[in-house]
Amino acid sequence: MKWNRYTIDTTTAAVDVVSSCLGDCGIEGIEIEDNVQLSQKDIKTMFVDFIPDLPPDDGSARVSFYLDADEDNDEMLKKVKEELEDMKSFMDIGPATITISQTEDKDWINNWKQYFHP
């Protein structure tokens, strides 16, 4: 199965608001990428296999969501864009540009294995 991955460029301060907006639009799963370092408290309270070396936090973040590539996603994408534009009048959410890429199930099904070391 093919999936369209939609990635929104935003700020770390706006990640929660953008994520909530996507939930309001009916999108149930998201992925957040940023360079926010884990605090020592986070490391002690979370199960962490390894701590990646991240570049310094520049305040930018990316929020991604996936939709079935075989379906017509134009209405959903239009709704998300409208919501993002509305949010811009209330707070700085960064550029809020949306990039689209495509992936397949087989990428997800096996790629996790390269990072799993029991």
PDB file of N, CA and C in Angstrom:
ATOM      1  N   MET A   1       0.840  -1.176   0.000  1.00  0.00           N
ATOM      2  CA  MET A   1       0.000   0.000   0.000  1.00  0.00           C
ATOM      3  C   MET A   1       0.887   1.241   0.000  1.00  0.00           C
ATOM      4  N   LYS A   2       0.532   2.212  -0.798  1.00  0.00           N
ATOM      5  CA  LYS A   2       1.291   3.458  -0.860  1.00  0.00           C
ATOM      6  C   LYS A   2       0.617   4.523   0.002  1.00  0.00           C
ATOM      7  N   TRP A   3       1.464   5.343   0.610  1.00  0.00           N
ATOM      8  CA  TRP A   3       0.993   6.421   1.476  1.00  0.00           C
ATOM      9  C   TRP A   3       1.606   7.736   1.038  1.00  0.00           C
ATOM     10  N   ASN A   4       0.805   8.791   1.070  1.00  0.00           N
ATOM     11  CA  ASN A   4       1.336  10.140   0.887  1.00  0.00           C
ATOM     12  C   ASN A   4       1.722  10.669   2.256  1.00  0.00           C
ATOM     13  N   ARG A   5       2.943  11.178   2.346  1.00  0.00           N
ATOM     14  CA  ARG A   5       3.409  11.790   3.592  1.00  0.00           C
ATOM     15  C   ARG A   5       3.373  13.299   3.387  1.00  0.00           C
ATOM     16  N   TYR A   6       2.613  13.982   4.228  1.00  0.00           N
ATOM     17  CA  TYR A   6       2.502  15.434   4.184  1.00  0.00           C
ATOM     18  C   TYR A   6       3.275  15.986   5.377  1.00  0.00           C
ATOM     19  N   THR A   7       4.253  16.850   5.116  1.00  0.00           N
ATOM     20  CA  THR A   7       5.091  17.399   6.176  1.00  0.00           C
ATOM     21  C   THR A   7       4.904  18.902   6.250  1.00  0.00           C
ATOM     22  N   ILE A   8       4.529  19.377   7.431  1.00  0.00           N
ATOM     23  CA  ILE A   8       4.295  20.804   7.667  1.00  0.00           C
ATOM     24  C   ILE A   8       5.508  21.380   8.379  1.00  0.00           C
ATOM     25  N   ASP A   9       6.110  22.418   7.807  1.00  0.00           N
ATOM     26  CA  ASP A   9       7.213  23.125   8.460  1.00  0.00           C
ATOM     27  C   ASP A   9       6.619  24.137   9.425  1.00  0.00           C
ATOM     28  N   THR A  10       7.003  24.020  10.694  1.00  0.00           N
ATOM     29  CA  THR A  10       6.445  24.881  11.727  1.00  0.00           C
ATOM     30  C   THR A  10       7.527  25.223  12.747  1.00  0.00           C
ATOM     31  N   THR A  11       7.118  25.662  13.929  1.00  0.00           N
ATOM     32  CA  THR A  11       8.059  25.984  14.999  1.00  0.00           C
ATOM     33  C   THR A  11       7.839  25.021  16.163  1.00  0.00           C
ATOM     34  N   THR A  12       8.858  24.870  17.003  1.00  0.00           N
ATOM     35  CA  THR A  12       8.697  23.995  18.171  1.00  0.00           C
ATOM     36  C   THR A  12       7.605  24.526  19.095  1.00  0.00           C
ATOM     37  N   ALA A  13       7.457  25.838  19.165  1.00  0.00           N
ATOM     38  CA  ALA A  13       6.426  26.433  20.025  1.00  0.00           C
ATOM     39  C   ALA A  13       5.019  26.133  19.513  1.00  0.00           C
ATOM     40  N   ALA A  14       4.876  25.890  18.217  1.00  0.00           N
ATOM     41  CA  ALA A  14       3.550  25.688  17.623  1.00  0.00           C
ATOM     42  C   ALA A  14       3.209  24.222  17.378  1.00  0.00           C
ATOM     43  N   VAL A  15       4.104  23.313  17.725  1.00  0.00           N
ATOM     44  CA  VAL A  15       3.880  21.894  17.438  1.00  0.00           C
ATOM     45  C   VAL A  15       2.568  21.389  18.035  1.00  0.00           C
ATOM     46  N   ASP A  16       2.297  21.718  19.282  1.00  0.00           N
ATOM     47  CA  ASP A  16       1.069  21.227  19.919  1.00  0.00           C
ATOM     48  C   ASP A  16      -0.179  21.777  19.243  1.00  0.00           C
ATOM     49  N   VAL A  17      -0.143  23.038  18.863  1.00  0.00           N
ATOM     50  CA  VAL A  17      -1.302  23.663  18.219  1.00  0.00           C
ATOM     51  C   VAL A  17      -1.523  23.066  16.832  1.00  0.00           C
ATOM     52  N   VAL A  18      -0.449  22.891  16.075  1.00  0.00           N
ATOM     53  CA  VAL A  18      -0.560  22.301  14.741  1.00  0.00           C
ATOM     54  C   VAL A  18      -1.060  20.856  14.857  1.00  0.00           C
ATOM     55  N   SER A  19      -0.537  20.118  15.821  1.00  0.00           N
ATOM     56  CA  SER A  19      -0.969  18.732  16.034  1.00  0.00           C
ATOM     57  C   SER A  19      -2.452  18.671  16.377  1.00  0.00           C
ATOM     58  N   SER A  20      -2.900  19.565  17.233  1.00  0.00           N
ATOM     59  CA  SER A  20      -4.313  19.626  17.605  1.00  0.00           C
ATOM     60  C   SER A  20      -5.183  19.959  16.397  1.00  0.00           C
ATOM     61  N   CYS A  21      -4.707  20.868  15.576  1.00  0.00           N
ATOM     62  CA  CYS A  21      -5.428  21.241  14.354  1.00  0.00           C
ATOM     63  C   CYS A  21      -5.619  20.024  13.452  1.00  0.00           C
ATOM     64  N   LEU A  22      -4.571  19.227  13.304  1.00  0.00           N
ATOM     65  CA  LEU A  22      -4.668  18.030  12.469  1.00  0.00           C
ATOM     66  C   LEU A  22      -5.681  17.048  13.054  1.00  0.00           C
ATOM     67  N   GLY A  23      -5.682  16.917  14.376  1.00  0.00           N
ATOM     68  CA  GLY A  23      -6.671  16.061  15.029  1.00  0.00           C
ATOM     69  C   GLY A  23      -8.082  16.553  14.781  1.00  0.00           C
ATOM     70  N   ASP A  24      -8.268  17.870  14.837  1.00  0.00           N
ATOM     71  CA  ASP A  24      -9.583  18.457  14.572  1.00  0.00           C
ATOM     72  C   ASP A  24     -10.035  18.203  13.135  1.00  0.00           C
ATOM     73  N   CYS A  25      -9.069  18.057  12.233  1.00  0.00           N
ATOM     74  CA  CYS A  25      -9.387  17.786  10.826  1.00  0.00           C
ATOM     75  C   CYS A  25      -9.677  16.309  10.578  1.00  0.00           C
ATOM     76  N   GLY A  26      -9.476  15.476  11.607  1.00  0.00           N
ATOM     77  CA  GLY A  26      -9.747  14.048  11.458  1.00  0.00           C
ATOM     78  C   GLY A  26      -8.516  13.198  11.218  1.00  0.00           C
ATOM     79  N   ILE A  27      -7.349  13.783  11.331  1.00  0.00           N
ATOM     80  CA  ILE A  27      -6.100  13.043  11.147  1.00  0.00           C
ATOM     81  C   ILE A  27      -5.694  12.466  12.498  1.00  0.00           C
ATOM     82  N   GLU A  28      -5.545  11.154  12.554  1.00  0.00           N
ATOM     83  CA  GLU A  28      -5.365  10.489  13.838  1.00  0.00           C
ATOM     84  C   GLU A  28      -3.923  10.207  14.225  1.00  0.00           C
ATOM     85  N   GLY A  29      -3.013  10.127  13.309  1.00  0.00           N
ATOM     86  CA  GLY A  29      -1.624   9.823  13.636  1.00  0.00           C
ATOM     87  C   GLY A  29      -0.693  10.857  13.045  1.00  0.00           C
ATOM     88  N   ILE A  30       0.251  11.319  13.859  1.00  0.00           N
ATOM     89  CA  ILE A  30       1.210  12.310  13.379  1.00  0.00           C
ATOM     90  C   ILE A  30       2.615  11.901  13.793  1.00  0.00           C
ATOM     91  N   GLU A  31       3.586  12.538  13.186  1.00  0.00           N
ATOM     92  CA  GLU A  31       4.995  12.340  13.504  1.00  0.00           C
ATOM     93  C   GLU A  31       5.605  13.721  13.696  1.00  0.00           C
ATOM     94  N   ILE A  32       6.325  13.913  14.792  1.00  0.00           N
ATOM     95  CA  ILE A  32       6.948  15.206  15.082  1.00  0.00           C
ATOM     96  C   ILE A  32       8.460  15.048  15.035  1.00  0.00           C
ATOM     97  N   GLU A  33       9.121  15.924  14.281  1.00  0.00           N
ATOM     98  CA  GLU A  33      10.580  15.944  14.212  1.00  0.00           C
ATOM     99  C   GLU A  33      11.059  17.328  14.627  1.00  0.00           C
ATOM    100  N   ASP A  34      11.974  17.358  15.586  1.00  0.00           N
ATOM    101  CA  ASP A  34      12.580  18.620  15.995  1.00  0.00           C
ATOM    102  C   ASP A  34      13.957  18.327  16.580  1.00  0.00           C
ATOM    103  N   ASN A  35      14.667  19.362  16.987  1.00  0.00           N
ATOM    104  CA  ASN A  35      15.992  19.193  17.576  1.00  0.00           C
ATOM    105  C   ASN A  35      15.998  19.526  19.058  1.00  0.00           C
ATOM    106  N   VAL A  36      14.854  19.392  19.700  1.00  0.00           N
ATOM    107  CA  VAL A  36      14.770  19.664  21.132  1.00  0.00           C
ATOM    108  C   VAL A  36      15.486  18.539  21.871  1.00  0.00           C
ATOM    109  N   GLN A  37      16.460  18.915  22.667  1.00  0.00           N
ATOM    110  CA  GLN A  37      17.249  17.942  23.419  1.00  0.00           C
ATOM    111  C   GLN A  37      16.439  17.391  24.593  1.00  0.00           C
ATOM    112  N   LEU A  38      16.656  16.132  24.925  1.00  0.00           N
ATOM    113  CA  LEU A  38      16.028  15.550  26.106  1.00  0.00           C
ATOM    114  C   LEU A  38      16.741  16.061  27.349  1.00  0.00           C
ATOM    115  N   SER A  39      15.971  16.411  28.354  1.00  0.00           N
ATOM    116  CA  SER A  39      16.570  16.838  29.620  1.00  0.00           C
ATOM    117  C   SER A  39      16.996  15.596  30.406  1.00  0.00           C
ATOM    118  N   GLN A  40      17.807  15.787  31.415  1.00  0.00           N
ATOM    119  CA  GLN A  40      18.221  14.663  32.264  1.00  0.00           C
ATOM    120  C   GLN A  40      17.004  14.028  32.932  1.00  0.00           C
ATOM    121  N   LYS A  41      16.036  14.851  33.300  1.00  0.00           N
ATOM    122  CA  LYS A  41      14.808  14.333  33.909  1.00  0.00           C
ATOM    123  C   LYS A  41      14.059  13.442  32.918  1.00  0.00           C
ATOM    124  N   ASP A  42      13.963  13.887  31.654  1.00  0.00           N
ATOM    125  CA  ASP A  42      13.305  13.085  30.622  1.00  0.00           C
ATOM    126  C   ASP A  42      14.012  11.748  30.446  1.00  0.00           C
ATOM    127  N   ILE A  43      15.323  11.790  30.408  1.00  0.00           N
ATOM    128  CA  ILE A  43      16.112  10.575  30.192  1.00  0.00           C
ATOM    129  C   ILE A  43      15.886   9.578  31.325  1.00  0.00           C
ATOM    130  N   LYS A  44      15.784  10.087  32.555  1.00  0.00           N
ATOM    131  CA  LYS A  44      15.595   9.207  33.711  1.00  0.00           C
ATOM    132  C   LYS A  44      14.183   8.629  33.784  1.00  0.00           C
ATOM    133  N   THR A  45      13.189   9.362  33.302  1.00  0.00           N
ATOM    134  CA  THR A  45      11.804   8.901  33.421  1.00  0.00           C
ATOM    135  C   THR A  45      11.307   8.143  32.193  1.00  0.00           C
ATOM    136  N   MET A  46      12.024   8.243  31.089  1.00  0.00           N
ATOM    137  CA  MET A  46      11.615   7.572  29.860  1.00  0.00           C
ATOM    138  C   MET A  46      12.515   6.368  29.604  1.00  0.00           C
ATOM    139  N   PHE A  47      12.018   5.438  28.815  1.00  0.00           N
ATOM    140  CA  PHE A  47      12.862   4.344  28.357  1.00  0.00           C
ATOM    141  C   PHE A  47      13.592   4.843  27.121  1.00  0.00           C
ATOM    142  N   VAL A  48      14.899   5.024  27.236  1.00  0.00           N
ATOM    143  CA  VAL A  48      15.693   5.556  26.131  1.00  0.00           C
ATOM    144  C   VAL A  48      16.827   4.581  25.844  1.00  0.00           C
ATOM    145  N   ASP A  49      16.836   4.008  24.640  1.00  0.00           N
ATOM    146  CA  ASP A  49      17.915   3.094  24.250  1.00  0.00           C
ATOM    147  C   ASP A  49      19.217   3.841  24.039  1.00  0.00           C
ATOM    148  N   PHE A  50      19.121   4.908  23.290  1.00  0.00           N
ATOM    149  CA  PHE A  50      20.295   5.726  23.011  1.00  0.00           C
ATOM    150  C   PHE A  50      19.837   7.156  22.816  1.00  0.00           C
ATOM    151  N   ILE A  51      20.736   8.069  23.048  1.00  0.00           N
ATOM    152  CA  ILE A  51      20.418   9.488  22.893  1.00  0.00           C
ATOM    153  C   ILE A  51      21.127   9.978  21.636  1.00  0.00           C
ATOM    154  N   PRO A  52      20.375  10.359  20.623  1.00  0.00           N
ATOM    155  CA  PRO A  52      21.011  10.790  19.375  1.00  0.00           C
ATOM    156  C   PRO A  52      21.702  12.141  19.540  1.00  0.00           C
ATOM    157  N   ASP A  53      22.768  12.316  18.785  1.00  0.00           N
ATOM    158  CA  ASP A  53      23.421  13.620  18.737  1.00  0.00           C
ATOM    159  C   ASP A  53      22.634  14.491  17.773  1.00  0.00           C
ATOM    160  N   LEU A  54      22.011  15.506  18.310  1.00  0.00           N
ATOM    161  CA  LEU A  54      21.205  16.411  17.497  1.00  0.00           C
ATOM    162  C   LEU A  54      21.910  17.748  17.360  1.00  0.00           C
ATOM    163  N   PRO A  55      21.691  18.421  16.246  1.00  0.00           N
ATOM    164  CA  PRO A  55      22.210  19.785  16.143  1.00  0.00           C
ATOM    165  C   PRO A  55      21.481  20.674  17.147  1.00  0.00           C
ATOM    166  N   PRO A  56      22.010  21.844  17.424  1.00  0.00           N
ATOM    167  CA  PRO A  56      21.331  22.741  18.370  1.00  0.00           C
ATOM    168  C   PRO A  56      19.901  23.040  17.911  1.00  0.00           C
ATOM    169  N   ASP A  57      19.020  23.199  18.880  1.00  0.00           N
ATOM    170  CA  ASP A  57      17.620  23.507  18.584  1.00  0.00           C
ATOM    171  C   ASP A  57      17.526  24.900  17.980  1.00  0.00           C
ATOM    172  N   ASP A  58      17.032  24.975  16.760  1.00  0.00           N
ATOM    173  CA  ASP A  58      16.897  26.268  16.080  1.00  0.00           C
ATOM    174  C   ASP A  58      15.459  26.784  16.113  1.00  0.00           C
ATOM    175  N   GLY A  59      14.586  26.078  16.840  1.00  0.00           N
ATOM    176  CA  GLY A  59      13.194  26.514  16.951  1.00  0.00           C
ATOM    177  C   GLY A  59      12.293  26.002  15.847  1.00  0.00           C
ATOM    178  N   SER A  60      12.865  25.272  14.892  1.00  0.00           N
ATOM    179  CA  SER A  60      12.036  24.751  13.803  1.00  0.00           C
ATOM    180  C   SER A  60      11.606  23.322  14.113  1.00  0.00           C
ATOM    181  N   ALA A  61      10.497  22.925  13.528  1.00  0.00           N
ATOM    182  CA  ALA A  61       9.978  21.571  13.702  1.00  0.00           C
ATOM    183  C   ALA A  61       9.201  21.182  12.453  1.00  0.00           C
ATOM    184  N   ARG A  62       8.976  19.889  12.326  1.00  0.00           N
ATOM    185  CA  ARG A  62       8.191  19.362  11.232  1.00  0.00           C
ATOM    186  C   ARG A  62       7.143  18.413  11.811  1.00  0.00           C
ATOM    187  N   VAL A  63       5.917  18.584  11.372  1.00  0.00           N
ATOM    188  CA  VAL A  63       4.828  17.701  11.781  1.00  0.00           C
ATOM    189  C   VAL A  63       4.335  17.003  10.520  1.00  0.00           C
ATOM    190  N   SER A  64       4.380  15.671  10.535  1.00  0.00           N
ATOM    191  CA  SER A  64       3.982  14.898   9.357  1.00  0.00           C
ATOM    192  C   SER A  64       2.761  14.044   9.653  1.00  0.00           C
ATOM    193  N   PHE A  65       1.995  13.805   8.609  1.00  0.00           N
ATOM    194  CA  PHE A  65       0.867  12.879   8.693  1.00  0.00           C
ATOM    195  C   PHE A  65       0.779  12.126   7.380  1.00  0.00           C
ATOM    196  N   TYR A  66       0.140  10.980   7.437  1.00  0.00           N
ATOM    197  CA  TYR A  66       0.079  10.083   6.285  1.00  0.00           C
ATOM    198  C   TYR A  66      -1.368   9.848   5.873  1.00  0.00           C
ATOM    199  N   LEU A  67      -1.599   9.857   4.556  1.00  0.00           N
ATOM    200  CA  LEU A  67      -2.917   9.546   4.004  1.00  0.00           C
ATOM    201  C   LEU A  67      -2.736   8.544   2.872  1.00  0.00           C
ATOM    202  N   ASP A  68      -3.710   7.685   2.695  1.00  0.00           N
ATOM    203  CA  ASP A  68      -3.682   6.661   1.662  1.00  0.00           C
ATOM    204  C   ASP A  68      -3.508   7.319   0.290  1.00  0.00           C
ATOM    205  N   ALA A  69      -2.480   6.907  -0.437  1.00  0.00           N
ATOM    206  CA  ALA A  69      -2.185   7.507  -1.742  1.00  0.00           C
ATOM    207  C   ALA A  69      -3.228   7.147  -2.792  1.00  0.00           C
ATOM    208  N   ASP A  70      -3.980   6.079  -2.562  1.00  0.00           N
ATOM    209  CA  ASP A  70      -4.991   5.662  -3.534  1.00  0.00           C
ATOM    210  C   ASP A  70      -6.307   6.419  -3.387  1.00  0.00           C
ATOM    211  N   GLU A  71      -6.415   7.231  -2.346  1.00  0.00           N
ATOM    212  CA  GLU A  71      -7.640   7.998  -2.128  1.00  0.00           C
ATOM    213  C   GLU A  71      -7.442   9.443  -2.559  1.00  0.00           C
ATOM    214  N   ASP A  72      -8.547  10.126  -2.802  1.00  0.00           N
ATOM    215  CA  ASP A  72      -8.498  11.544  -3.153  1.00  0.00           C
ATOM    216  C   ASP A  72      -8.355  12.346  -1.861  1.00  0.00           C
ATOM    217  N   ASN A  73      -7.191  12.928  -1.663  1.00  0.00           N
ATOM    218  CA  ASN A  73      -6.893  13.655  -0.430  1.00  0.00           C
ATOM    219  C   ASN A  73      -6.985  15.170  -0.591  1.00  0.00           C
ATOM    220  N   ASP A  74      -7.466  15.628  -1.732  1.00  0.00           N
ATOM    221  CA  ASP A  74      -7.507  17.066  -2.002  1.00  0.00           C
ATOM    222  C   ASP A  74      -8.346  17.831  -0.978  1.00  0.00           C
ATOM    223  N   GLU A  75      -9.514  17.290  -0.622  1.00  0.00           N
ATOM    224  CA  GLU A  75     -10.385  17.981   0.341  1.00  0.00           C
ATOM    225  C   GLU A  75      -9.737  18.066   1.717  1.00  0.00           C
ATOM    226  N   MET A  76      -9.111  16.977   2.145  1.00  0.00           N
ATOM    227  CA  MET A  76      -8.444  16.974   3.448  1.00  0.00           C
ATOM    228  C   MET A  76      -7.289  17.972   3.450  1.00  0.00           C
ATOM    229  N   LEU A  77      -6.507  17.973   2.393  1.00  0.00           N
ATOM    230  CA  LEU A  77      -5.376  18.893   2.307  1.00  0.00           C
ATOM    231  C   LEU A  77      -5.855  20.344   2.276  1.00  0.00           C
ATOM    232  N   LYS A  78      -6.943  20.599   1.571  1.00  0.00           N
ATOM    233  CA  LYS A  78      -7.520  21.942   1.532  1.00  0.00           C
ATOM    234  C   LYS A  78      -7.961  22.375   2.923  1.00  0.00           C
ATOM    235  N   LYS A  79      -8.602  21.472   3.655  1.00  0.00           N
ATOM    236  CA  LYS A  79      -9.066  21.762   5.011  1.00  0.00           C
ATOM    237  C   LYS A  79      -7.882  22.068   5.933  1.00  0.00           C
ATOM    238  N   VAL A  80      -6.818  21.276   5.842  1.00  0.00           N
ATOM    239  CA  VAL A  80      -5.623  21.501   6.666  1.00  0.00           C
ATOM    240  C   VAL A  80      -5.013  22.860   6.351  1.00  0.00           C
ATOM    241  N   LYS A  81      -4.887  23.186   5.068  1.00  0.00           N
ATOM    242  CA  LYS A  81      -4.307  24.483   4.678  1.00  0.00           C
ATOM    243  C   LYS A  81      -5.142  25.644   5.207  1.00  0.00           C
ATOM    244  N   GLU A  82      -6.460  25.522   5.134  1.00  0.00           N
ATOM    245  CA  GLU A  82      -7.337  26.582   5.648  1.00  0.00           C
ATOM    246  C   GLU A  82      -7.161  26.757   7.153  1.00  0.00           C
ATOM    247  N   GLU A  83      -7.082  25.651   7.878  1.00  0.00           N
ATOM    248  CA  GLU A  83      -6.890  25.713   9.332  1.00  0.00           C
ATOM    249  C   GLU A  83      -5.547  26.350   9.681  1.00  0.00           C
ATOM    250  N   LEU A  84      -4.509  26.003   8.943  1.00  0.00           N
ATOM    251  CA  LEU A  84      -3.191  26.589   9.195  1.00  0.00           C
ATOM    252  C   LEU A  84      -3.210  28.096   8.941  1.00  0.00           C
ATOM    253  N   GLU A  85      -3.880  28.510   7.883  1.00  0.00           N
ATOM    254  CA  GLU A  85      -3.985  29.947   7.590  1.00  0.00           C
ATOM    255  C   GLU A  85      -4.730  30.674   8.707  1.00  0.00           C
ATOM    256  N   ASP A  86      -5.791  30.067   9.213  1.00  0.00           N
ATOM    257  CA  ASP A  86      -6.530  30.671  10.329  1.00  0.00           C
ATOM    258  C   ASP A  86      -5.642  30.810  11.563  1.00  0.00           C
ATOM    259  N   MET A  87      -4.835  29.789  11.832  1.00  0.00           N
ATOM    260  CA  MET A  87      -3.953  29.826  13.004  1.00  0.00           C
ATOM    261  C   MET A  87      -2.923  30.941  12.921  1.00  0.00           C
ATOM    262  N   LYS A  88      -2.491  31.254  11.702  1.00  0.00           N
ATOM    263  CA  LYS A  88      -1.471  32.297  11.525  1.00  0.00           C
ATOM    264  C   LYS A  88      -1.933  33.645  12.065  1.00  0.00           C
ATOM    265  N   SER A  89      -3.235  33.865  12.135  1.00  0.00           N
ATOM    266  CA  SER A  89      -3.733  35.141  12.652  1.00  0.00           C
ATOM    267  C   SER A  89      -3.685  35.195  14.180  1.00  0.00           C
ATOM    268  N   PHE A  90      -3.494  34.045  14.830  1.00  0.00           N
ATOM    269  CA  PHE A  90      -3.457  33.994  16.290  1.00  0.00           C
ATOM    270  C   PHE A  90      -2.056  33.841  16.867  1.00  0.00           C
ATOM    271  N   MET A  91      -1.176  33.173  16.121  1.00  0.00           N
ATOM    272  CA  MET A  91       0.167  32.937  16.644  1.00  0.00           C
ATOM    273  C   MET A  91       1.140  32.653  15.507  1.00  0.00           C
ATOM    274  N   ASP A  92       2.415  32.713  15.833  1.00  0.00           N
ATOM    275  CA  ASP A  92       3.454  32.416  14.853  1.00  0.00           C
ATOM    276  C   ASP A  92       3.607  30.905  14.756  1.00  0.00           C
ATOM    277  N   ILE A  93       3.197  30.348  13.642  1.00  0.00           N
ATOM    278  CA  ILE A  93       3.349  28.911  13.439  1.00  0.00           C
ATOM    279  C   ILE A  93       4.445  28.616  12.422  1.00  0.00           C
ATOM    280  N   GLY A  94       5.255  29.618  12.119  1.00  0.00           N
ATOM    281  CA  GLY A  94       6.318  29.423  11.145  1.00  0.00           C
ATOM    282  C   GLY A  94       5.768  29.478   9.734  1.00  0.00           C
ATOM    283  N   PRO A  95       6.537  28.959   8.778  1.00  0.00           N
ATOM    284  CA  PRO A  95       6.115  29.070   7.376  1.00  0.00           C
ATOM    285  C   PRO A  95       4.871  28.248   7.041  1.00  0.00           C
ATOM    286  N   ALA A  96       4.644  27.166   7.755  1.00  0.00           N
ATOM    287  CA  ALA A  96       3.482  26.286   7.533  1.00  0.00           C
ATOM    288  C   ALA A  96       3.403  25.773   6.098  1.00  0.00           C
ATOM    289  N   THR A  97       4.563  25.633   5.458  1.00  0.00           N
ATOM    290  CA  THR A  97       4.577  25.038   4.124  1.00  0.00           C
ATOM    291  C   THR A  97       4.369  23.531   4.248  1.00  0.00           C
ATOM    292  N   ILE A  98       3.743  22.965   3.252  1.00  0.00           N
ATOM    293  CA  ILE A  98       3.470  21.531   3.260  1.00  0.00           C
ATOM    294  C   ILE A  98       4.190  20.893   2.081  1.00  0.00           C
ATOM    295  N   THR A  99       5.047  19.914   2.376  1.00  0.00           N
ATOM    296  CA  THR A  99       5.708  19.152   1.319  1.00  0.00           C
ATOM    297  C   THR A  99       5.097  17.755   1.289  1.00  0.00           C
ATOM    298  N   ILE A 100       5.100  17.174   0.105  1.00  0.00           N
ATOM    299  CA  ILE A 100       4.481  15.867  -0.082  1.00  0.00           C
ATOM    300  C   ILE A 100       5.529  14.887  -0.600  1.00  0.00           C
ATOM    301  N   SER A 101       5.571  13.713   0.009  1.00  0.00           N
ATOM    302  CA  SER A 101       6.410  12.628  -0.485  1.00  0.00           C
ATOM    303  C   SER A 101       5.579  11.349  -0.410  1.00  0.00           C
ATOM    304  N   GLN A 102       6.120  10.267  -0.941  1.00  0.00           N
ATOM    305  CA  GLN A 102       5.359   9.024  -0.948  1.00  0.00           C
ATOM    306  C   GLN A 102       6.210   7.900  -0.367  1.00  0.00           C
ATOM    307  N   THR A 103       5.566   7.009   0.344  1.00  0.00           N
ATOM    308  CA  THR A 103       6.242   5.855   0.929  1.00  0.00           C
ATOM    309  C   THR A 103       5.323   4.645   0.817  1.00  0.00           C
ATOM    310  N   GLU A 104       5.881   3.475   1.080  1.00  0.00           N
ATOM    311  CA  GLU A 104       5.097   2.248   1.004  1.00  0.00           C
ATOM    312  C   GLU A 104       5.140   1.511   2.332  1.00  0.00           C
ATOM    313  N   ASP A 105       4.146   0.656   2.550  1.00  0.00           N
ATOM    314  CA  ASP A 105       4.096  -0.159   3.767  1.00  0.00           C
ATOM    315  C   ASP A 105       5.373  -0.955   3.971  1.00  0.00           C
ATOM    316  N   LYS A 106       5.904  -1.505   2.885  1.00  0.00           N
ATOM    317  CA  LYS A 106       7.071  -2.375   3.031  1.00  0.00           C
ATOM    318  C   LYS A 106       8.246  -1.617   3.640  1.00  0.00           C
ATOM    319  N   ASP A 107       8.309  -0.298   3.435  1.00  0.00           N
ATOM    320  CA  ASP A 107       9.362   0.499   4.058  1.00  0.00           C
ATOM    321  C   ASP A 107       9.219   0.465   5.574  1.00  0.00           C
ATOM    322  N   TRP A 108       8.008   0.573   6.072  1.00  0.00           N
ATOM    323  CA  TRP A 108       7.756   0.592   7.518  1.00  0.00           C
ATOM    324  C   TRP A 108       7.895  -0.797   8.130  1.00  0.00           C
ATOM    325  N   ILE A 109       7.430  -1.790   7.387  1.00  0.00           N
ATOM    326  CA  ILE A 109       7.363  -3.142   7.929  1.00  0.00           C
ATOM    327  C   ILE A 109       8.741  -3.667   8.310  1.00  0.00           C
ATOM    328  N   ASN A 110       9.762  -3.343   7.543  1.00  0.00           N
ATOM    329  CA  ASN A 110      11.082  -3.916   7.795  1.00  0.00           C
ATOM    330  C   ASN A 110      12.142  -2.943   8.280  1.00  0.00           C
ATOM    331  N   ASN A 111      12.010  -1.669   8.017  1.00  0.00           N
ATOM    332  CA  ASN A 111      13.083  -0.727   8.351  1.00  0.00           C
ATOM    333  C   ASN A 111      13.354  -0.599   9.839  1.00  0.00           C
ATOM    334  N   TRP A 112      12.381  -0.842  10.693  1.00  0.00           N
ATOM    335  CA  TRP A 112      12.605  -0.736  12.132  1.00  0.00           C
ATOM    336  C   TRP A 112      13.669  -1.726  12.599  1.00  0.00           C
ATOM    337  N   LYS A 113      13.818  -2.822  11.874  1.00  0.00           N
ATOM    338  CA  LYS A 113      14.745  -3.871  12.290  1.00  0.00           C
ATOM    339  C   LYS A 113      16.198  -3.402  12.316  1.00  0.00           C
ATOM    340  N   GLN A 114      16.534  -2.447  11.468  1.00  0.00           N
ATOM    341  CA  GLN A 114      17.920  -1.986  11.447  1.00  0.00           C
ATOM    342  C   GLN A 114      18.292  -1.203  12.705  1.00  0.00           C
ATOM    343  N   TYR A 115      17.292  -0.737  13.452  1.00  0.00           N
ATOM    344  CA  TYR A 115      17.547   0.031  14.671  1.00  0.00           C
ATOM    345  C   TYR A 115      17.339  -0.787  15.944  1.00  0.00           C
ATOM    346  N   PHE A 116      16.776  -1.973  15.815  1.00  0.00           N
ATOM    347  CA  PHE A 116      16.465  -2.795  16.983  1.00  0.00           C
ATOM    348  C   PHE A 116      17.651  -3.694  17.292  1.00  0.00           C
ATOM    349  N   HIS A 117      18.226  -3.505  18.459  1.00  0.00           N
ATOM    350  CA  HIS A 117      19.364  -4.319  18.895  1.00  0.00           C
ATOM    351  C   HIS A 117      19.077  -4.844  20.299  1.00  0.00           C
ATOM    352  N   PRO A 118      18.575  -6.095  20.402  1.00  0.00           N
ATOM    353  CA  PRO A 118      18.208  -6.638  21.722  1.00  0.00           C
ATOM    354  C   PRO A 118      19.422  -6.843  22.628  1.00  0.00           C
TER     355      PRO A 118
END
